């Protein structure tokens, strides 16, 4: 799947870029990033886990759209 977004996850002083994820959701003690099917931003049974981080360690999550605002 070709996603048009990535996420910057800040954990303490470290910033980690998560690519290939369309959405994220809490998953117990973790925050998990998912690649969703058909370009949807909905986490369902068909979503694939891309990365997980301890929620207590996350300072911020920033979504970065890779498609320019002027693009159709």
PDB file of N, CA and C in Angstrom:
ATOM      1  N   UNK A   1       0.836  -1.173   0.000  1.00  0.00           N
ATOM      2  CA  UNK A   1       0.000   0.000   0.000  1.00  0.00           C
ATOM      3  C   UNK A   1       0.876   1.229   0.000  1.00  0.00           C
ATOM      4  N   UNK A   2       0.512   2.217  -0.759  1.00  0.00           N
ATOM      5  CA  UNK A   2       1.242   3.467  -0.839  1.00  0.00           C
ATOM      6  C   UNK A   2       0.543   4.486   0.031  1.00  0.00           C
ATOM      7  N   UNK A   3       1.093   4.763   1.194  1.00  0.00           N
ATOM      8  CA  UNK A   3       0.474   5.712   2.117  1.00  0.00           C
ATOM      9  C   UNK A   3       1.003   7.110   1.866  1.00  0.00           C
ATOM     10  N   UNK A   4       0.185   8.103   2.124  1.00  0.00           N
ATOM     11  CA  UNK A   4       0.562   9.488   1.909  1.00  0.00           C
ATOM     12  C   UNK A   4       0.886  10.194   3.210  1.00  0.00           C
ATOM     13  N   UNK A   5       1.168   9.460   4.249  1.00  0.00           N
ATOM     14  CA  UNK A   5       1.482  10.069   5.539  1.00  0.00           C
ATOM     15  C   UNK A   5       2.553   9.263   6.244  1.00  0.00           C
ATOM     16  N   UNK A   6       3.231   9.938   7.128  1.00  0.00           N
ATOM     17  CA  UNK A   6       4.125   9.273   8.064  1.00  0.00           C
ATOM     18  C   UNK A   6       3.901   9.950   9.410  1.00  0.00           C
ATOM     19  N   UNK A   7       4.465   9.396  10.445  1.00  0.00           N
ATOM     20  CA  UNK A   7       4.285   9.936  11.787  1.00  0.00           C
ATOM     21  C   UNK A   7       5.637  10.164  12.421  1.00  0.00           C
ATOM     22  N   UNK A   8       5.766  11.260  13.184  1.00  0.00           N
ATOM     23  CA  UNK A   8       6.924  11.494  14.025  1.00  0.00           C
ATOM     24  C   UNK A   8       6.499  11.237  15.458  1.00  0.00           C
ATOM     25  N   UNK A   9       7.147  10.277  16.078  1.00  0.00           N
ATOM     26  CA  UNK A   9       6.840   9.910  17.461  1.00  0.00           C
ATOM     27  C   UNK A   9       8.000  10.385  18.323  1.00  0.00           C
ATOM     28  N   UNK A  10       7.707  11.237  19.300  1.00  0.00           N
ATOM     29  CA  UNK A  10       8.752  11.711  20.188  1.00  0.00           C
ATOM     30  C   UNK A  10       8.703  10.919  21.471  1.00  0.00           C
ATOM     31  N   UNK A  11       9.837  10.310  21.799  1.00  0.00           N
ATOM     32  CA  UNK A  11      10.002   9.543  23.029  1.00  0.00           C
ATOM     33  C   UNK A  11      11.195  10.147  23.745  1.00  0.00           C
ATOM     34  N   UNK A  12      10.928  10.912  24.784  1.00  0.00           N
ATOM     35  CA  UNK A  12      11.999  11.636  25.469  1.00  0.00           C
ATOM     36  C   UNK A  12      12.619  12.646  24.519  1.00  0.00           C
ATOM     37  N   UNK A  13      13.931  12.567  24.332  1.00  0.00           N
ATOM     38  CA  UNK A  13      14.639  13.466  23.421  1.00  0.00           C
ATOM     39  C   UNK A  13      14.790  12.882  22.019  1.00  0.00           C
ATOM     40  N   UNK A  14      14.254  11.694  21.792  1.00  0.00           N
ATOM     41  CA  UNK A  14      14.410  10.999  20.520  1.00  0.00           C
ATOM     42  C   UNK A  14      13.146  11.123  19.678  1.00  0.00           C
ATOM     43  N   UNK A  15      13.326  11.423  18.386  1.00  0.00           N
ATOM     44  CA  UNK A  15      12.201  11.472  17.449  1.00  0.00           C
ATOM     45  C   UNK A  15      12.356  10.304  16.485  1.00  0.00           C
ATOM     46  N   UNK A  16      11.312   9.502  16.371  1.00  0.00           N
ATOM     47  CA  UNK A  16      11.316   8.325  15.502  1.00  0.00           C
ATOM     48  C   UNK A  16      10.281   8.544  14.413  1.00  0.00           C
ATOM     49  N   UNK A  17      10.663   8.341  13.151  1.00  0.00           N
ATOM     50  CA  UNK A  17       9.717   8.464  12.053  1.00  0.00           C
ATOM     51  C   UNK A  17       9.141   7.086  11.738  1.00  0.00           C
ATOM     52  N   UNK A  18       7.823   7.006  11.708  1.00  0.00           N
ATOM     53  CA  UNK A  18       7.125   5.770  11.374  1.00  0.00           C
ATOM     54  C   UNK A  18       6.545   5.952   9.979  1.00  0.00           C
ATOM     55  N   UNK A  19       7.034   5.174   9.022  1.00  0.00           N
ATOM     56  CA  UNK A  19       6.543   5.248   7.645  1.00  0.00           C
ATOM     57  C   UNK A  19       5.696   4.018   7.343  1.00  0.00           C
ATOM     58  N   UNK A  20       4.756   4.181   6.417  1.00  0.00           N
ATOM     59  CA  UNK A  20       3.938   3.055   6.003  1.00  0.00           C
ATOM     60  C   UNK A  20       2.741   2.806   6.892  1.00  0.00           C
ATOM     61  N   UNK A  21       2.448   3.735   7.797  1.00  0.00           N
ATOM     62  CA  UNK A  21       1.287   3.588   8.670  1.00  0.00           C
ATOM     63  C   UNK A  21       0.215   4.592   8.271  1.00  0.00           C
ATOM     64  N   UNK A  22      -1.040   4.158   8.325  1.00  0.00           N
ATOM     65  CA  UNK A  22      -2.169   5.023   8.007  1.00  0.00           C
ATOM     66  C   UNK A  22      -2.882   5.528   9.253  1.00  0.00           C
ATOM     67  N   UNK A  23      -2.727   4.821  10.369  1.00  0.00           N
ATOM     68  CA  UNK A  23      -3.451   5.165  11.595  1.00  0.00           C
ATOM     69  C   UNK A  23      -2.718   4.585  12.792  1.00  0.00           C
ATOM     70  N   UNK A  24      -3.093   5.048  13.975  1.00  0.00           N
ATOM     71  CA  UNK A  24      -2.567   4.450  15.203  1.00  0.00           C
ATOM     72  C   UNK A  24      -3.682   4.368  16.228  1.00  0.00           C
ATOM     73  N   UNK A  25      -3.510   3.488  17.201  1.00  0.00           N
ATOM     74  CA  UNK A  25      -4.524   3.275  18.226  1.00  0.00           C
ATOM     75  C   UNK A  25      -3.872   2.702  19.474  1.00  0.00           C
ATOM     76  N   UNK A  26      -4.481   2.960  20.649  1.00  0.00           N
ATOM     77  CA  UNK A  26      -3.973   2.335  21.867  1.00  0.00           C
ATOM     78  C   UNK A  26      -4.174   0.823  21.805  1.00  0.00           C
ATOM     79  N   UNK A  27      -3.208   0.095  22.331  1.00  0.00           N
ATOM     80  CA  UNK A  27      -3.243  -1.365  22.295  1.00  0.00           C
ATOM     81  C   UNK A  27      -2.697  -1.865  23.635  1.00  0.00           C
ATOM     82  N   UNK A  28      -3.518  -1.791  24.672  1.00  0.00           N
ATOM     83  CA  UNK A  28      -3.049  -2.130  26.009  1.00  0.00           C
ATOM     84  C   UNK A  28      -2.088  -1.065  26.500  1.00  0.00           C
ATOM     85  N   UNK A  29      -0.902  -1.459  26.912  1.00  0.00           N
ATOM     86  CA  UNK A  29       0.102  -0.510  27.391  1.00  0.00           C
ATOM     87  C   UNK A  29       0.889   0.119  26.248  1.00  0.00           C
ATOM     88  N   UNK A  30       0.569  -0.271  25.013  1.00  0.00           N
ATOM     89  CA  UNK A  30       1.290   0.216  23.839  1.00  0.00           C
ATOM     90  C   UNK A  30       0.406   1.115  22.973  1.00  0.00           C
ATOM     91  N   UNK A  31       1.051   1.950  22.186  1.00  0.00           N
ATOM     92  CA  UNK A  31       0.390   2.655  21.087  1.00  0.00           C
ATOM     93  C   UNK A  31       0.929   2.009  19.830  1.00  0.00           C
ATOM     94  N   UNK A  32       0.042   1.476  19.010  1.00  0.00           N
ATOM     95  CA  UNK A  32       0.445   0.711  17.830  1.00  0.00           C
ATOM     96  C   UNK A  32       0.035   1.448  16.565  1.00  0.00           C
ATOM     97  N   UNK A  33       0.953   1.476  15.597  1.00  0.00           N
ATOM     98  CA  UNK A  33       0.714   2.101  14.291  1.00  0.00           C
ATOM     99  C   UNK A  33       0.365   1.000  13.302  1.00  0.00           C
ATOM    100  N   UNK A  34      -0.632   1.269  12.454  1.00  0.00           N
ATOM    101  CA  UNK A  34      -1.158   0.258  11.543  1.00  0.00           C
ATOM    102  C   UNK A  34      -1.158   0.731  10.094  1.00  0.00           C
ATOM    103  N   UNK A  35      -0.948  -0.205   9.188  1.00  0.00           N
ATOM    104  CA  UNK A  35      -1.177  -0.006   7.761  1.00  0.00           C
ATOM    105  C   UNK A  35      -2.564  -0.574   7.491  1.00  0.00           C
ATOM    106  N   UNK A  36      -3.453   0.261   6.984  1.00  0.00           N
ATOM    107  CA  UNK A  36      -4.842  -0.140   6.771  1.00  0.00           C
ATOM    108  C   UNK A  36      -5.051  -0.516   5.310  1.00  0.00           C
ATOM    109  N   UNK A  37      -6.103  -1.263   5.040  1.00  0.00           N
ATOM    110  CA  UNK A  37      -6.364  -1.709   3.675  1.00  0.00           C
ATOM    111  C   UNK A  37      -7.121  -0.645   2.888  1.00  0.00           C
ATOM    112  N   UNK A  38      -6.927  -0.627   1.600  1.00  0.00           N
ATOM    113  CA  UNK A  38      -7.658   0.232   0.669  1.00  0.00           C
ATOM    114  C   UNK A  38      -7.583   1.708   1.017  1.00  0.00           C
ATOM    115  N   UNK A  39      -6.485   2.153   1.603  1.00  0.00           N
ATOM    116  CA  UNK A  39      -6.322   3.562   1.898  1.00  0.00           C
ATOM    117  C   UNK A  39      -7.216   4.092   3.000  1.00  0.00           C
ATOM    118  N   UNK A  40      -7.872   3.209   3.733  1.00  0.00           N
ATOM    119  CA  UNK A  40      -8.752   3.635   4.821  1.00  0.00           C
ATOM    120  C   UNK A  40      -7.925   4.003   6.038  1.00  0.00           C
ATOM    121  N   UNK A  41      -8.442   4.888   6.859  1.00  0.00           N
ATOM    122  CA  UNK A  41      -7.778   5.261   8.105  1.00  0.00           C
ATOM    123  C   UNK A  41      -8.444   4.590   9.296  1.00  0.00           C
ATOM    124  N   UNK A  42      -9.101   3.454   9.050  1.00  0.00           N
ATOM    125  CA  UNK A  42      -9.817   2.728  10.084  1.00  0.00           C
ATOM    126  C   UNK A  42      -9.037   1.467  10.431  1.00  0.00           C
ATOM    127  N   UNK A  43      -8.787   1.281  11.717  1.00  0.00           N
ATOM    128  CA  UNK A  43      -8.096   0.073  12.165  1.00  0.00           C
ATOM    129  C   UNK A  43      -9.150  -1.021  12.332  1.00  0.00           C
ATOM    130  N   UNK A  44      -9.027  -2.061  11.505  1.00  0.00           N
ATOM    131  CA  UNK A  44      -9.949  -3.189  11.585  1.00  0.00           C
ATOM    132  C   UNK A  44      -9.144  -4.481  11.565  1.00  0.00           C
ATOM    133  N   UNK A  45      -9.811  -5.603  11.414  1.00  0.00           N
ATOM    134  CA  UNK A  45      -9.108  -6.893  11.460  1.00  0.00           C
ATOM    135  C   UNK A  45      -8.122  -7.074  10.319  1.00  0.00           C
ATOM    136  N   UNK A  46      -8.251  -6.299   9.255  1.00  0.00           N
ATOM    137  CA  UNK A  46      -7.357  -6.426   8.104  1.00  0.00           C
ATOM    138  C   UNK A  46      -6.127  -5.534   8.210  1.00  0.00           C
ATOM    139  N   UNK A  47      -6.062  -4.693   9.230  1.00  0.00           N
ATOM    140  CA  UNK A  47      -4.927  -3.790   9.409  1.00  0.00           C
ATOM    141  C   UNK A  47      -3.677  -4.583   9.799  1.00  0.00           C
ATOM    142  N   UNK A  48      -2.528  -4.107   9.346  1.00  0.00           N
ATOM    143  CA  UNK A  48      -1.240  -4.731   9.630  1.00  0.00           C
ATOM    144  C   UNK A  48      -0.449  -3.857  10.589  1.00  0.00           C
ATOM    145  N   UNK A  49       0.086  -4.435  11.650  1.00  0.00           N
ATOM    146  CA  UNK A  49       0.904  -3.670  12.601  1.00  0.00           C
ATOM    147  C   UNK A  49       2.220  -3.277  11.948  1.00  0.00           C
ATOM    148  N   UNK A  50       2.583  -2.005  12.137  1.00  0.00           N
ATOM    149  CA  UNK A  50       3.835  -1.488  11.589  1.00  0.00           C
ATOM    150  C   UNK A  50       4.850  -1.265  12.707  1.00  0.00           C
ATOM    151  N   UNK A  51       4.412  -0.654  13.812  1.00  0.00           N
ATOM    152  CA  UNK A  51       5.320  -0.363  14.927  1.00  0.00           C
ATOM    153  C   UNK A  51       4.506  -0.173  16.196  1.00  0.00           C
ATOM    154  N   UNK A  52       5.130  -0.431  17.337  1.00  0.00           N
ATOM    155  CA  UNK A  52       4.489  -0.205  18.637  1.00  0.00           C
ATOM    156  C   UNK A  52       5.487   0.435  19.586  1.00  0.00           C
ATOM    157  N   UNK A  53       4.967   1.314  20.448  1.00  0.00           N
ATOM    158  CA  UNK A  53       5.777   1.985  21.457  1.00  0.00           C
ATOM    159  C   UNK A  53       5.001   2.018  22.762  1.00  0.00           C
ATOM    160  N   UNK A  54       5.723   2.002  23.888  1.00  0.00           N
ATOM    161  CA  UNK A  54       5.047   2.128  25.182  1.00  0.00           C
ATOM    162  C   UNK A  54       4.381   3.486  25.263  1.00  0.00           C
ATOM    163  N   UNK A  55       3.084   3.497  25.520  1.00  0.00           N
ATOM    164  CA  UNK A  55       2.316   4.744  25.570  1.00  0.00           C
ATOM    165  C   UNK A  55       2.871   5.697  26.625  1.00  0.00           C
ATOM    166  N   UNK A  56       3.281   5.194  27.768  1.00  0.00           N
ATOM    167  CA  UNK A  56       3.799   6.031  28.853  1.00  0.00           C
ATOM    168  C   UNK A  56       5.069   6.769  28.448  1.00  0.00           C
ATOM    169  N   UNK A  57       5.811   6.257  27.450  1.00  0.00           N
ATOM    170  CA  UNK A  57       7.060   6.877  27.019  1.00  0.00           C
ATOM    171  C   UNK A  57       6.862   7.935  25.934  1.00  0.00           C
ATOM    172  N   UNK A  58       5.696   7.949  25.283  1.00  0.00           N
ATOM    173  CA  UNK A  58       5.458   8.865  24.163  1.00  0.00           C
ATOM    174  C   UNK A  58       5.158  10.261  24.677  1.00  0.00           C
ATOM    175  N   UNK A  59       5.910  11.238  24.167  1.00  0.00           N
ATOM    176  CA  UNK A  59       5.691  12.635  24.507  1.00  0.00           C
ATOM    177  C   UNK A  59       4.721  13.285  23.525  1.00  0.00           C
ATOM    178  N   UNK A  60       4.883  12.967  22.214  1.00  0.00           N
ATOM    179  CA  UNK A  60       3.982  13.517  21.203  1.00  0.00           C
ATOM    180  C   UNK A  60       3.991  12.654  19.949  1.00  0.00           C
ATOM    181  N   UNK A  61       2.900  12.770  19.193  1.00  0.00           N
ATOM    182  CA  UNK A  61       2.786  12.114  17.896  1.00  0.00           C
ATOM    183  C   UNK A  61       2.346  13.176  16.904  1.00  0.00           C
ATOM    184  N   UNK A  62       3.087  13.300  15.805  1.00  0.00           N
ATOM    185  CA  UNK A  62       2.783  14.282  14.777  1.00  0.00           C
ATOM    186  C   UNK A  62       2.605  13.578  13.449  1.00  0.00           C
ATOM    187  N   UNK A  63       1.441  13.774  12.808  1.00  0.00           N
ATOM    188  CA  UNK A  63       1.192  13.182  11.484  1.00  0.00           C
ATOM    189  C   UNK A  63       1.751  14.120  10.426  1.00  0.00           C
ATOM    190  N   UNK A  64       2.530  13.573   9.521  1.00  0.00           N
ATOM    191  CA  UNK A  64       3.125  14.341   8.426  1.00  0.00           C
ATOM    192  C   UNK A  64       2.518  13.874   7.120  1.00  0.00           C
ATOM    193  N   UNK A  65       1.745  14.710   6.460  1.00  0.00           N
ATOM    194  CA  UNK A  65       1.183  14.361   5.155  1.00  0.00           C
ATOM    195  C   UNK A  65       2.261  14.565   4.115  1.00  0.00           C
ATOM    196  N   UNK A  66       2.483  13.554   3.274  1.00  0.00           N
ATOM    197  CA  UNK A  66       3.535  13.614   2.270  1.00  0.00           C
ATOM    198  C   UNK A  66       3.048  14.210   0.953  1.00  0.00           C
ATOM    199  N   UNK A  67       1.724  14.337   0.785  1.00  0.00           N
ATOM    200  CA  UNK A  67       1.169  14.932  -0.425  1.00  0.00           C
ATOM    201  C   UNK A  67       1.103  16.439  -0.232  1.00  0.00           C
ATOM    202  N   UNK A  68       1.657  17.224  -1.153  1.00  0.00           N
ATOM    203  CA  UNK A  68       1.609  18.679  -1.022  1.00  0.00           C
ATOM    204  C   UNK A  68       0.161  19.167  -0.962  1.00  0.00           C
ATOM    205  N   UNK A  69      -0.070  20.239  -0.225  1.00  0.00           N
ATOM    206  CA  UNK A  69      -1.414  20.799  -0.064  1.00  0.00           C
ATOM    207  C   UNK A  69      -2.003  21.244  -1.394  1.00  0.00           C
ATOM    208  N   UNK A  70      -1.168  21.617  -2.352  1.00  0.00           N
ATOM    209  CA  UNK A  70      -1.661  22.117  -3.635  1.00  0.00           C
ATOM    210  C   UNK A  70      -1.994  20.995  -4.624  1.00  0.00           C
ATOM    211  N   UNK A  71      -1.626  19.760  -4.275  1.00  0.00           N
ATOM    212  CA  UNK A  71      -1.872  18.640  -5.188  1.00  0.00           C
ATOM    213  C   UNK A  71      -3.355  18.289  -5.218  1.00  0.00           C
ATOM    214  N   UNK A  72      -3.871  17.896  -6.384  1.00  0.00           N
ATOM    215  CA  UNK A  72      -5.290  17.528  -6.478  1.00  0.00           C
ATOM    216  C   UNK A  72      -5.596  16.213  -5.781  1.00  0.00           C
TER     217      UNK A  72
END
